[in-house]
PDB file of N, CA and C in Angstrom:
ATOM      1  N   MET A   1     -68.971   9.726-151.883  1.00  0.00           N
ATOM      2  CA  MET A   1     -69.618   9.680-150.578  1.00  0.00           C
ATOM      3  C   MET A   1     -70.262  11.045-150.294  1.00  0.00           C
ATOM      4  N   THR A   2     -71.407  10.999-149.651  1.00  0.00           N
ATOM      5  CA  THR A   2     -72.130  12.210-149.304  1.00  0.00           C
ATOM      6  C   THR A   2     -71.427  12.904-148.142  1.00  0.00           C
ATOM      7  N   GLU A   3     -71.346  14.223-148.186  1.00  0.00           N
ATOM      8  CA  GLU A   3     -70.710  14.971-147.108  1.00  0.00           C
ATOM      9  C   GLU A   3     -71.758  15.383-146.077  1.00  0.00           C
ATOM     10  N   HIS A   4     -71.263  15.705-144.853  1.00  0.00           N
ATOM     11  CA  HIS A   4     -72.180  16.113-143.778  1.00  0.00           C
ATOM     12  C   HIS A   4     -72.998  17.326-144.169  1.00  0.00           C
ATOM     13  N   SER A   5     -72.428  18.207-144.994  1.00  0.00           N
ATOM     14  CA  SER A   5     -73.167  19.408-145.400  1.00  0.00           C
ATOM     15  C   SER A   5     -74.379  19.045-146.257  1.00  0.00           C
ATOM     16  N   ASP A   6     -74.434  17.795-146.720  1.00  0.00           N
ATOM     17  CA  ASP A   6     -75.575  17.356-147.516  1.00  0.00           C
ATOM     18  C   ASP A   6     -76.752  16.897-146.651  1.00  0.00           C
ATOM     19  N   LEU A   7     -76.561  16.817-145.346  1.00  0.00           N
ATOM     20  CA  LEU A   7     -77.617  16.342-144.468  1.00  0.00           C
ATOM     21  C   LEU A   7     -78.899  17.166-144.589  1.00  0.00           C
ATOM     22  N   PRO A   8     -78.823  18.496-144.521  1.00  0.00           N
ATOM     23  CA  PRO A   8     -80.057  19.278-144.702  1.00  0.00           C
ATOM     24  C   PRO A   8     -80.705  19.053-146.074  1.00  0.00           C
ATOM     25  N   ARG A   9     -79.890  18.889-147.108  1.00  0.00           N
ATOM     26  CA  ARG A   9     -80.416  18.657-148.449  1.00  0.00           C
ATOM     27  C   ARG A   9     -81.153  17.314-148.494  1.00  0.00           C
ATOM     28  N   LEU A  10     -80.585  16.322-147.863  1.00  0.00           N
ATOM     29  CA  LEU A  10     -81.237  15.005-147.829  1.00  0.00           C
ATOM     30  C   LEU A  10     -82.541  15.065-147.022  1.00  0.00           C
ATOM     31  N   GLN A  11     -82.532  15.817-145.926  1.00  0.00           N
ATOM     32  CA  GLN A  11     -83.765  15.981-145.144  1.00  0.00           C
ATOM     33  C   GLN A  11     -84.843  16.676-145.988  1.00  0.00           C
ATOM     34  N   ARG A  12     -84.436  17.684-146.757  1.00  0.00           N
ATOM     35  CA  ARG A  12     -85.405  18.358-147.640  1.00  0.00           C
ATOM     36  C   ARG A  12     -85.957  17.384-148.673  1.00  0.00           C
ATOM     37  N   ARG A  13     -85.078  16.571-149.278  1.00  0.00           N
ATOM     38  CA  ARG A  13     -85.533  15.585-150.267  1.00  0.00           C
ATOM     39  C   ARG A  13     -86.541  14.617-149.663  1.00  0.00           C
ATOM     40  N   LEU A  14     -86.249  14.158-148.447  1.00  0.00           N
ATOM     41  CA  LEU A  14     -87.180  13.248-147.776  1.00  0.00           C
ATOM     42  C   LEU A  14     -88.517  13.940-147.508  1.00  0.00           C
ATOM     43  N   ALA A  15     -88.472  15.185-147.046  1.00  0.00           N
ATOM     44  CA  ALA A  15     -89.698  15.932-146.787  1.00  0.00           C
ATOM     45  C   ALA A  15     -90.486  16.162-148.067  1.00  0.00           C
ATOM     46  N   GLU A  16     -89.796  16.507-149.142  1.00  0.00           N
ATOM     47  CA  GLU A  16     -90.479  16.728-150.431  1.00  0.00           C
ATOM     48  C   GLU A  16     -91.078  15.419-150.960  1.00  0.00           C
ATOM     49  N   PHE A  17     -90.339  14.326-150.799  1.00  0.00           N
ATOM     50  CA  PHE A  17     -90.830  13.009-151.229  1.00  0.00           C
ATOM     51  C   PHE A  17     -92.126  12.662-150.498  1.00  0.00           C
ATOM     52  N   ALA A  18     -92.115  12.844-149.184  1.00  0.00           N
ATOM     53  CA  ALA A  18     -93.302  12.540-148.376  1.00  0.00           C
ATOM     54  C   ALA A  18     -94.455  13.494-148.701  1.00  0.00           C
ATOM     55  N   ALA A  19     -94.150  14.768-148.862  1.00  0.00           N
ATOM     56  CA  ALA A  19     -95.191  15.753-149.167  1.00  0.00           C
ATOM     57  C   ALA A  19     -95.868  15.472-150.497  1.00  0.00           C
ATOM     58  N   ALA A  20     -95.097  15.088-151.495  1.00  0.00           N
ATOM     59  CA  ALA A  20     -95.658  14.807-152.822  1.00  0.00           C
ATOM     60  C   ALA A  20     -96.628  13.624-152.785  1.00  0.00           C
ATOM     61  N   ARG A  21     -96.484  12.776-151.805  1.00  0.00           N
ATOM     62  CA  ARG A  21     -97.342  11.610-151.665  1.00  0.00           C
ATOM     63  C   ARG A  21     -98.375  11.766-150.554  1.00  0.00           C
ATOM     64  N   ASN A  22     -98.424  12.970-149.964  1.00  0.00           N
ATOM     65  CA  ASN A  22     -99.341  13.278-148.876  1.00  0.00           C
ATOM     66  C   ASN A  22     -99.147  12.348-147.664  1.00  0.00           C
ATOM     67  N   TRP A  23     -97.879  12.019-147.396  1.00  0.00           N
ATOM     68  CA  TRP A  23     -97.563  11.138-146.277  1.00  0.00           C
ATOM     69  C   TRP A  23     -97.311  11.925-144.983  1.00  0.00           C
ATOM     70  N   GLY A  24     -97.239  13.232-145.065  1.00  0.00           N
ATOM     71  CA  GLY A  24     -96.941  14.037-143.887  1.00  0.00           C
ATOM     72  C   GLY A  24     -97.887  13.781-142.744  1.00  0.00           C
ATOM     73  N   GLN A  25     -99.148  13.493-143.074  1.00  0.00           N
ATOM     74  CA  GLN A  25    -100.158  13.221-142.053  1.00  0.00           C
ATOM     75  C   GLN A  25     -99.800  12.005-141.200  1.00  0.00           C
ATOM     76  N   TYR A  26     -98.981  11.103-141.744  1.00  0.00           N
ATOM     77  CA  TYR A  26     -98.597   9.896-141.022  1.00  0.00           C
ATOM     78  C   TYR A  26     -97.252  10.053-140.307  1.00  0.00           C
ATOM     79  N   HIS A  27     -96.539  11.111-140.610  1.00  0.00           N
ATOM     80  CA  HIS A  27     -95.196  11.297-140.073  1.00  0.00           C
ATOM     81  C   HIS A  27     -95.227  12.022-138.727  1.00  0.00           C
ATOM     82  N   THR A  28     -95.893  11.383-137.779  1.00  0.00           N
ATOM     83  CA  THR A  28     -95.910  11.873-136.410  1.00  0.00           C
ATOM     84  C   THR A  28     -94.668  11.322-135.699  1.00  0.00           C
ATOM     85  N   PRO A  29     -94.254  11.950-134.612  1.00  0.00           N
ATOM     86  CA  PRO A  29     -93.107  11.403-133.880  1.00  0.00           C
ATOM     87  C   PRO A  29     -93.310   9.937-133.501  1.00  0.00           C
ATOM     88  N   LYS A  30     -94.488   9.571-133.031  1.00  0.00           N
ATOM     89  CA  LYS A  30     -94.756   8.177-132.649  1.00  0.00           C
ATOM     90  C   LYS A  30     -94.611   7.236-133.828  1.00  0.00           C
ATOM     91  N   ASN A  31     -95.204   7.587-134.954  1.00  0.00           N
ATOM     92  CA  ASN A  31     -95.142   6.710-136.125  1.00  0.00           C
ATOM     93  C   ASN A  31     -93.714   6.599-136.662  1.00  0.00           C
ATOM     94  N   LEU A  32     -93.010   7.722-136.667  1.00  0.00           N
ATOM     95  CA  LEU A  32     -91.632   7.685-137.172  1.00  0.00           C
ATOM     96  C   LEU A  32     -90.722   6.897-136.237  1.00  0.00           C
ATOM     97  N   ALA A  33     -90.920   7.029-134.928  1.00  0.00           N
ATOM     98  CA  ALA A  33     -90.126   6.232-133.976  1.00  0.00           C
ATOM     99  C   ALA A  33     -90.419   4.746-134.162  1.00  0.00           C
ATOM    100  N   SER A  34     -91.673   4.418-134.385  1.00  0.00           N
ATOM    101  CA  SER A  34     -92.049   3.015-134.610  1.00  0.00           C
ATOM    102  C   SER A  34     -91.419   2.494-135.900  1.00  0.00           C
ATOM    103  N   ALA A  35     -91.499   3.282-136.961  1.00  0.00           N
ATOM    104  CA  ALA A  35     -90.903   2.861-138.245  1.00  0.00           C
ATOM    105  C   ALA A  35     -89.381   2.701-138.108  1.00  0.00           C
ATOM    106  N   LEU A  36     -88.765   3.596-137.360  1.00  0.00           N
ATOM    107  CA  LEU A  36     -87.329   3.506-137.128  1.00  0.00           C
ATOM    108  C   LEU A  36     -86.986   2.208-136.408  1.00  0.00           C
ATOM    109  N   SER A  37     -87.782   1.832-135.439  1.00  0.00           N
ATOM    110  CA  SER A  37     -87.570   0.591-134.712  1.00  0.00           C
ATOM    111  C   SER A  37     -87.717  -0.622-135.640  1.00  0.00           C
ATOM    112  N   VAL A  38     -88.719  -0.605-136.481  1.00  0.00           N
ATOM    113  CA  VAL A  38     -88.954  -1.706-137.415  1.00  0.00           C
ATOM    114  C   VAL A  38     -87.758  -1.839-138.372  1.00  0.00           C
ATOM    115  N   GLU A  39     -87.320  -0.722-138.926  1.00  0.00           N
ATOM    116  CA  GLU A  39     -86.206  -0.772-139.880  1.00  0.00           C
ATOM    117  C   GLU A  39     -84.914  -1.210-139.187  1.00  0.00           C
ATOM    118  N   SER A  40     -84.707  -0.779-137.944  1.00  0.00           N
ATOM    119  CA  SER A  40     -83.532  -1.239-137.190  1.00  0.00           C
ATOM    120  C   SER A  40     -83.597  -2.748-136.979  1.00  0.00           C
ATOM    121  N   SER A  41     -84.788  -3.246-136.710  1.00  0.00           N
ATOM    122  CA  SER A  41     -84.960  -4.692-136.534  1.00  0.00           C
ATOM    123  C   SER A  41     -84.677  -5.446-137.825  1.00  0.00           C
ATOM    124  N   GLU A  42     -85.039  -4.858-138.957  1.00  0.00           N
ATOM    125  CA  GLU A  42     -84.749  -5.502-140.242  1.00  0.00           C
ATOM    126  C   GLU A  42     -83.230  -5.546-140.490  1.00  0.00           C
ATOM    127  N   LEU A  43     -82.512  -4.564-140.018  1.00  0.00           N
ATOM    128  CA  LEU A  43     -81.056  -4.588-140.111  1.00  0.00           C
ATOM    129  C   LEU A  43     -80.508  -5.692-139.198  1.00  0.00           C
ATOM    130  N   VAL A  44     -81.009  -5.790-137.987  1.00  0.00           N
ATOM    131  CA  VAL A  44     -80.590  -6.841-137.062  1.00  0.00           C
ATOM    132  C   VAL A  44     -80.864  -8.222-137.657  1.00  0.00           C
ATOM    133  N   GLU A  45     -82.007  -8.364-138.328  1.00  0.00           N
ATOM    134  CA  GLU A  45     -82.396  -9.657-138.890  1.00  0.00           C
ATOM    135  C   GLU A  45     -81.328 -10.214-139.846  1.00  0.00           C
ATOM    136  N   ILE A  46     -80.682  -9.357-140.593  1.00  0.00           N
ATOM    137  CA  ILE A  46     -79.647  -9.783-141.534  1.00  0.00           C
ATOM    138  C   ILE A  46     -78.524 -10.512-140.804  1.00  0.00           C
ATOM    139  N   PHE A  47     -78.215 -10.055-139.599  1.00  0.00           N
ATOM    140  CA  PHE A  47     -77.087 -10.582-138.828  1.00  0.00           C
ATOM    141  C   PHE A  47     -77.502 -11.639-137.798  1.00  0.00           C
ATOM    142  N   GLN A  48     -78.801 -11.878-137.656  1.00  0.00           N
ATOM    143  CA  GLN A  48     -79.332 -12.654-136.552  1.00  0.00           C
ATOM    144  C   GLN A  48     -78.624 -13.977-136.290  1.00  0.00           C
ATOM    145  N   TRP A  49     -78.409 -14.778-137.289  1.00  0.00           N
ATOM    146  CA  TRP A  49     -77.848 -16.107-137.079  1.00  0.00           C
ATOM    147  C   TRP A  49     -76.421 -16.238-137.593  1.00  0.00           C
ATOM    148  N   LEU A  50     -75.777 -15.133-137.886  1.00  0.00           N
ATOM    149  CA  LEU A  50     -74.393 -15.169-138.345  1.00  0.00           C
ATOM    150  C   LEU A  50     -73.434 -15.284-137.158  1.00  0.00           C
ATOM    151  N   THR A  51     -72.340 -15.947-137.379  1.00  0.00           N
ATOM    152  CA  THR A  51     -71.286 -15.952-136.362  1.00  0.00           C
ATOM    153  C   THR A  51     -70.621 -14.579-136.375  1.00  0.00           C
ATOM    154  N   PRO A  52     -69.863 -14.247-135.339  1.00  0.00           N
ATOM    155  CA  PRO A  52     -69.131 -12.965-135.385  1.00  0.00           C
ATOM    156  C   PRO A  52     -68.252 -12.852-136.628  1.00  0.00           C
ATOM    157  N   GLU A  53     -67.618 -13.939-137.015  1.00  0.00           N
ATOM    158  CA  GLU A  53     -66.752 -13.913-138.200  1.00  0.00           C
ATOM    159  C   GLU A  53     -67.557 -13.679-139.477  1.00  0.00           C
ATOM    160  N   GLU A  54     -68.698 -14.345-139.585  1.00  0.00           N
ATOM    161  CA  GLU A  54     -69.549 -14.154-140.766  1.00  0.00           C
ATOM    162  C   GLU A  54     -70.087 -12.719-140.819  1.00  0.00           C
ATOM    163  N   SER A  55     -70.450 -12.188-139.663  1.00  0.00           N
ATOM    164  CA  SER A  55     -70.982 -10.820-139.653  1.00  0.00           C
ATOM    165  C   SER A  55     -69.920  -9.815-140.074  1.00  0.00           C
ATOM    166  N   ALA A  56     -68.681 -10.068-139.726  1.00  0.00           N
ATOM    167  CA  ALA A  56     -67.599  -9.171-140.124  1.00  0.00           C
ATOM    168  C   ALA A  56     -67.344  -9.203-141.631  1.00  0.00           C
ATOM    169  N   ARG A  57     -67.738 -10.286-142.279  1.00  0.00           N
ATOM    170  CA  ARG A  57     -67.535 -10.425-143.733  1.00  0.00           C
ATOM    171  C   ARG A  57     -68.799 -10.172-144.543  1.00  0.00           C
ATOM    172  N   VAL A  58     -69.855  -9.690-143.924  1.00  0.00           N
ATOM    173  CA  VAL A  58     -71.150  -9.589-144.602  1.00  0.00           C
ATOM    174  C   VAL A  58     -71.088  -8.730-145.858  1.00  0.00           C
ATOM    175  N   MET A  59     -70.249  -7.714-145.864  1.00  0.00           N
ATOM    176  CA  MET A  59     -70.193  -6.815-147.024  1.00  0.00           C
ATOM    177  C   MET A  59     -69.448  -7.425-148.214  1.00  0.00           C
ATOM    178  N   SER A  60     -68.833  -8.575-148.019  1.00  0.00           N
ATOM    179  CA  SER A  60     -68.147  -9.245-149.136  1.00  0.00           C
ATOM    180  C   SER A  60     -69.122 -10.031-150.019  1.00  0.00           C
ATOM    181  N   ASP A  61     -70.323 -10.259-149.531  1.00  0.00           N
ATOM    182  CA  ASP A  61     -71.369 -10.919-150.320  1.00  0.00           C
ATOM    183  C   ASP A  61     -72.239  -9.824-150.933  1.00  0.00           C
ATOM    184  N   PRO A  62     -72.218  -9.680-152.273  1.00  0.00           N
ATOM    185  CA  PRO A  62     -72.953  -8.580-152.896  1.00  0.00           C
ATOM    186  C   PRO A  62     -74.435  -8.513-152.533  1.00  0.00           C
ATOM    187  N   ALA A  63     -75.098  -9.660-152.450  1.00  0.00           N
ATOM    188  CA  ALA A  63     -76.531  -9.631-152.112  1.00  0.00           C
ATOM    189  C   ALA A  63     -76.745  -9.175-150.672  1.00  0.00           C
ATOM    190  N   ALA A  64     -75.944  -9.674-149.757  1.00  0.00           N
ATOM    191  CA  ALA A  64     -76.070  -9.268-148.355  1.00  0.00           C
ATOM    192  C   ALA A  64     -75.690  -7.805-148.197  1.00  0.00           C
ATOM    193  N   ALA A  65     -74.637  -7.386-148.885  1.00  0.00           N
ATOM    194  CA  ALA A  65     -74.203  -5.978-148.801  1.00  0.00           C
ATOM    195  C   ALA A  65     -75.293  -5.055-149.272  1.00  0.00           C
ATOM    196  N   HIS A  66     -75.979  -5.432-150.338  1.00  0.00           N
ATOM    197  CA  HIS A  66     -77.094  -4.628-150.853  1.00  0.00           C
ATOM    198  C   HIS A  66     -78.197  -4.502-149.799  1.00  0.00           C
ATOM    199  N   ARG A  67     -78.520  -5.603-149.161  1.00  0.00           N
ATOM    200  CA  ARG A  67     -79.556  -5.587-148.111  1.00  0.00           C
ATOM    201  C   ARG A  67     -79.137  -4.701-146.948  1.00  0.00           C
ATOM    202  N   VAL A  68     -77.871  -4.824-146.525  1.00  0.00           N
ATOM    203  CA  VAL A  68     -77.371  -4.014-145.418  1.00  0.00           C
ATOM    204  C   VAL A  68     -77.463  -2.530-145.764  1.00  0.00           C
ATOM    205  N   ARG A  69     -76.977  -2.166-146.963  1.00  0.00           N
ATOM    206  CA  ARG A  69     -77.031  -0.755-147.369  1.00  0.00           C
ATOM    207  C   ARG A  69     -78.470  -0.239-147.429  1.00  0.00           C
ATOM    208  N   ASP A  70     -79.393  -1.056-147.939  1.00  0.00           N
ATOM    209  CA  ASP A  70     -80.796  -0.644-148.004  1.00  0.00           C
ATOM    210  C   ASP A  70     -81.374  -0.421-146.615  1.00  0.00           C
ATOM    211  N   GLU A  71     -81.077  -1.318-145.677  1.00  0.00           N
ATOM    212  CA  GLU A  71     -81.611  -1.154-144.319  1.00  0.00           C
ATOM    213  C   GLU A  71     -80.969   0.025-143.600  1.00  0.00           C
ATOM    214  N   VAL A  72     -79.675   0.235-143.818  1.00  0.00           N
ATOM    215  CA  VAL A  72     -79.023   1.421-143.244  1.00  0.00           C
ATOM    216  C   VAL A  72     -79.690   2.677-143.796  1.00  0.00           C
ATOM    217  N   ALA A  73     -79.978   2.700-145.081  1.00  0.00           N
ATOM    218  CA  ALA A  73     -80.647   3.852-145.688  1.00  0.00           C
ATOM    219  C   ALA A  73     -82.033   4.057-145.084  1.00  0.00           C
ATOM    220  N   ASP A  74     -82.768   2.969-144.885  1.00  0.00           N
ATOM    221  CA  ASP A  74     -84.110   3.088-144.284  1.00  0.00           C
ATOM    222  C   ASP A  74     -84.019   3.640-142.868  1.00  0.00           C
ATOM    223  N   VAL A  75     -83.089   3.111-142.072  1.00  0.00           N
ATOM    224  CA  VAL A  75     -82.922   3.579-140.690  1.00  0.00           C
ATOM    225  C   VAL A  75     -82.583   5.069-140.688  1.00  0.00           C
ATOM    226  N   LEU A  76     -81.618   5.453-141.524  1.00  0.00           N
ATOM    227  CA  LEU A  76     -81.214   6.857-141.579  1.00  0.00           C
ATOM    228  C   LEU A  76     -82.345   7.754-142.060  1.00  0.00           C
ATOM    229  N   ALA A  77     -83.095   7.294-143.056  1.00  0.00           N
ATOM    230  CA  ALA A  77     -84.217   8.089-143.581  1.00  0.00           C
ATOM    231  C   ALA A  77     -85.253   8.365-142.484  1.00  0.00           C
ATOM    232  N   TYR A  78     -85.636   7.320-141.760  1.00  0.00           N
ATOM    233  CA  TYR A  78     -86.620   7.529-140.693  1.00  0.00           C
ATOM    234  C   TYR A  78     -86.046   8.372-139.566  1.00  0.00           C
ATOM    235  N   LEU A  79     -84.777   8.197-139.247  1.00  0.00           N
ATOM    236  CA  LEU A  79     -84.181   9.015-138.202  1.00  0.00           C
ATOM    237  C   LEU A  79     -84.142  10.484-138.607  1.00  0.00           C
ATOM    238  N   LEU A  80     -83.780  10.761-139.848  1.00  0.00           N
ATOM    239  CA  LEU A  80     -83.749  12.144-140.328  1.00  0.00           C
ATOM    240  C   LEU A  80     -85.139  12.765-140.358  1.00  0.00           C
ATOM    241  N   GLN A  81     -86.144  11.972-140.762  1.00  0.00           N
ATOM    242  CA  GLN A  81     -87.520  12.476-140.760  1.00  0.00           C
ATOM    243  C   GLN A  81     -88.005  12.730-139.333  1.00  0.00           C
ATOM    244  N   PHE A  82     -87.643  11.860-138.422  1.00  0.00           N
ATOM    245  CA  PHE A  82     -87.985  12.024-137.015  1.00  0.00           C
ATOM    246  C   PHE A  82     -87.376  13.327-136.491  1.00  0.00           C
ATOM    247  N   CYS A  83     -86.102  13.548-136.803  1.00  0.00           N
ATOM    248  CA  CYS A  83     -85.423  14.773-136.367  1.00  0.00           C
ATOM    249  C   CYS A  83     -86.063  16.011-136.990  1.00  0.00           C
ATOM    250  N   GLU A  84     -86.452  15.919-138.242  1.00  0.00           N
ATOM    251  CA  GLU A  84     -87.096  17.048-138.921  1.00  0.00           C
ATOM    252  C   GLU A  84     -88.418  17.417-138.226  1.00  0.00           C
ATOM    253  N   VAL A  85     -89.217  16.421-137.907  1.00  0.00           N
ATOM    254  CA  VAL A  85     -90.523  16.664-137.292  1.00  0.00           C
ATOM    255  C   VAL A  85     -90.371  17.286-135.905  1.00  0.00           C
ATOM    256  N   LEU A  86     -89.342  16.871-135.159  1.00  0.00           N
ATOM    257  CA  LEU A  86     -89.149  17.381-133.798  1.00  0.00           C
ATOM    258  C   LEU A  86     -88.130  18.509-133.724  1.00  0.00           C
ATOM    259  N   ASP A  87     -87.666  18.983-134.878  1.00  0.00           N
ATOM    260  CA  ASP A  87     -86.706  20.089-134.954  1.00  0.00           C
ATOM    261  C   ASP A  87     -85.448  19.798-134.135  1.00  0.00           C
ATOM    262  N   ILE A  88     -84.883  18.614-134.381  1.00  0.00           N
ATOM    263  CA  ILE A  88     -83.637  18.201-133.749  1.00  0.00           C
ATOM    264  C   ILE A  88     -82.547  18.226-134.816  1.00  0.00           C
ATOM    265  N   ASP A  89     -81.424  18.878-134.518  1.00  0.00           N
ATOM    266  CA  ASP A  89     -80.276  18.818-135.392  1.00  0.00           C
ATOM    267  C   ASP A  89     -79.509  17.546-134.993  1.00  0.00           C
ATOM    268  N   PRO A  90     -79.531  16.514-135.849  1.00  0.00           N
ATOM    269  CA  PRO A  90     -78.949  15.232-135.432  1.00  0.00           C
ATOM    270  C   PRO A  90     -77.440  15.312-135.186  1.00  0.00           C
ATOM    271  N   LEU A  91     -76.724  16.141-135.935  1.00  0.00           N
ATOM    272  CA  LEU A  91     -75.280  16.246-135.727  1.00  0.00           C
ATOM    273  C   LEU A  91     -74.953  16.969-134.426  1.00  0.00           C
ATOM    274  N   THR A  92     -75.734  17.984-134.094  1.00  0.00           N
ATOM    275  CA  THR A  92     -75.561  18.665-132.813  1.00  0.00           C
ATOM    276  C   THR A  92     -75.904  17.720-131.672  1.00  0.00           C
ATOM    277  N   ALA A  93     -76.996  16.974-131.805  1.00  0.00           N
ATOM    278  CA  ALA A  93     -77.386  16.019-130.755  1.00  0.00           C
ATOM    279  C   ALA A  93     -76.270  14.993-130.547  1.00  0.00           C
ATOM    280  N   LEU A  94     -75.694  14.495-131.633  1.00  0.00           N
ATOM    281  CA  LEU A  94     -74.623  13.521-131.520  1.00  0.00           C
ATOM    282  C   LEU A  94     -73.385  14.128-130.863  1.00  0.00           C
ATOM    283  N   SER A  95     -73.017  15.317-131.268  1.00  0.00           N
ATOM    284  CA  SER A  95     -71.856  15.969-130.691  1.00  0.00           C
ATOM    285  C   SER A  95     -72.027  16.183-129.187  1.00  0.00           C
ATOM    286  N   GLU A  96     -73.215  16.639-128.784  1.00  0.00           N
ATOM    287  CA  GLU A  96     -73.484  16.861-127.369  1.00  0.00           C
ATOM    288  C   GLU A  96     -73.455  15.560-126.582  1.00  0.00           C
ATOM    289  N   LYS A  97     -73.949  14.477-127.185  1.00  0.00           N
ATOM    290  CA  LYS A  97     -73.939  13.169-126.523  1.00  0.00           C
ATOM    291  C   LYS A  97     -72.505  12.666-126.352  1.00  0.00           C
ATOM    292  N   ILE A  98     -71.669  12.851-127.359  1.00  0.00           N
ATOM    293  CA  ILE A  98     -70.260  12.464-127.250  1.00  0.00           C
ATOM    294  C   ILE A  98     -69.584  13.240-126.137  1.00  0.00           C
ATOM    295  N   ASP A  99     -69.883  14.543-126.062  1.00  0.00           N
ATOM    296  CA  ASP A  99     -69.314  15.376-124.986  1.00  0.00           C
ATOM    297  C   ASP A  99     -69.709  14.807-123.614  1.00  0.00           C
ATOM    298  N   ARG A 100     -70.987  14.486-123.445  1.00  0.00           N
ATOM    299  CA  ARG A 100     -71.439  13.948-122.148  1.00  0.00           C
ATOM    300  C   ARG A 100     -70.774  12.597-121.858  1.00  0.00           C
ATOM    301  N   ASN A 101     -70.638  11.757-122.874  1.00  0.00           N
ATOM    302  CA  ASN A 101     -70.017  10.453-122.670  1.00  0.00           C
ATOM    303  C   ASN A 101     -68.532  10.551-122.344  1.00  0.00           C
ATOM    304  N   GLU A 102     -67.872  11.563-122.902  1.00  0.00           N
ATOM    305  CA  GLU A 102     -66.466  11.762-122.560  1.00  0.00           C
ATOM    306  C   GLU A 102     -66.301  12.068-121.079  1.00  0.00           C
ATOM    307  N   HIS A 103     -67.263  12.770-120.514  1.00  0.00           N
ATOM    308  CA  HIS A 103     -67.219  13.072-119.074  1.00  0.00           C
ATOM    309  C   HIS A 103     -67.664  11.854-118.240  1.00  0.00           C
ATOM    310  N   ARG A 104     -68.650  11.141-118.711  1.00  0.00           N
ATOM    311  CA  ARG A 104     -69.150   9.968-117.981  1.00  0.00           C
ATOM    312  C   ARG A 104     -68.152   8.815-117.988  1.00  0.00           C
ATOM    313  N   PHE A 105     -67.446   8.675-119.098  1.00  0.00           N
ATOM    314  CA  PHE A 105     -66.532   7.541-119.283  1.00  0.00           C
ATOM    315  C   PHE A 105     -65.130   8.034-119.634  1.00  0.00           C
ATOM    316  N   PRO A 106     -64.433   8.586-118.634  1.00  0.00           N
ATOM    317  CA  PRO A 106     -63.091   9.106-118.918  1.00  0.00           C
ATOM    318  C   PRO A 106     -62.130   7.992-119.328  1.00  0.00           C
ATOM    319  N   VAL A 107     -61.110   8.369-120.044  1.00  0.00           N
ATOM    320  CA  VAL A 107     -60.084   7.409-120.467  1.00  0.00           C
ATOM    321  C   VAL A 107     -59.363   6.923-119.206  1.00  0.00           C
ATOM    322  N   PRO A 108     -59.276   5.596-119.041  1.00  0.00           N
ATOM    323  CA  PRO A 108     -58.594   5.089-117.838  1.00  0.00           C
ATOM    324  C   PRO A 108     -57.106   5.504-117.819  1.00  0.00           C
ATOM    325  N   GLU A 109     -56.675   5.809-116.638  1.00  0.00           N
ATOM    326  CA  GLU A 109     -55.251   6.119-116.482  1.00  0.00           C
ATOM    327  C   GLU A 109     -54.498   4.842-116.199  1.00  0.00           C
ATOM    328  N   ASP A 110     -53.337   4.704-116.817  1.00  0.00           N
ATOM    329  CA  ASP A 110     -52.536   3.461-116.612  1.00  0.00           C
ATOM    330  C   ASP A 110     -51.780   3.468-115.333  1.00  0.00           C
TER     331      ASP A 110
END
């Protein structure tokens, strides 16, 4: 499994991949946000007509598991590229959001 410290390395790989193909001109925040939405929708499509029980077992079917992993990779790739273009540290953004949510949604007292 990839470690969190690999995140910058993966972002560099994505940037190098896009640069080698001259795709940087298309990697605007708007285009990347749109691509992220499309890829998220493709992930949703896999689960669209499954029952809750079927969706919980989706990874037990090798073909479905492969599709899920591919769509997760696509979503993450576009999210990382989006963060790179806008100079957002995704792990810091997530940590800060969790902090805010802990204050917004305190643990109920019994």
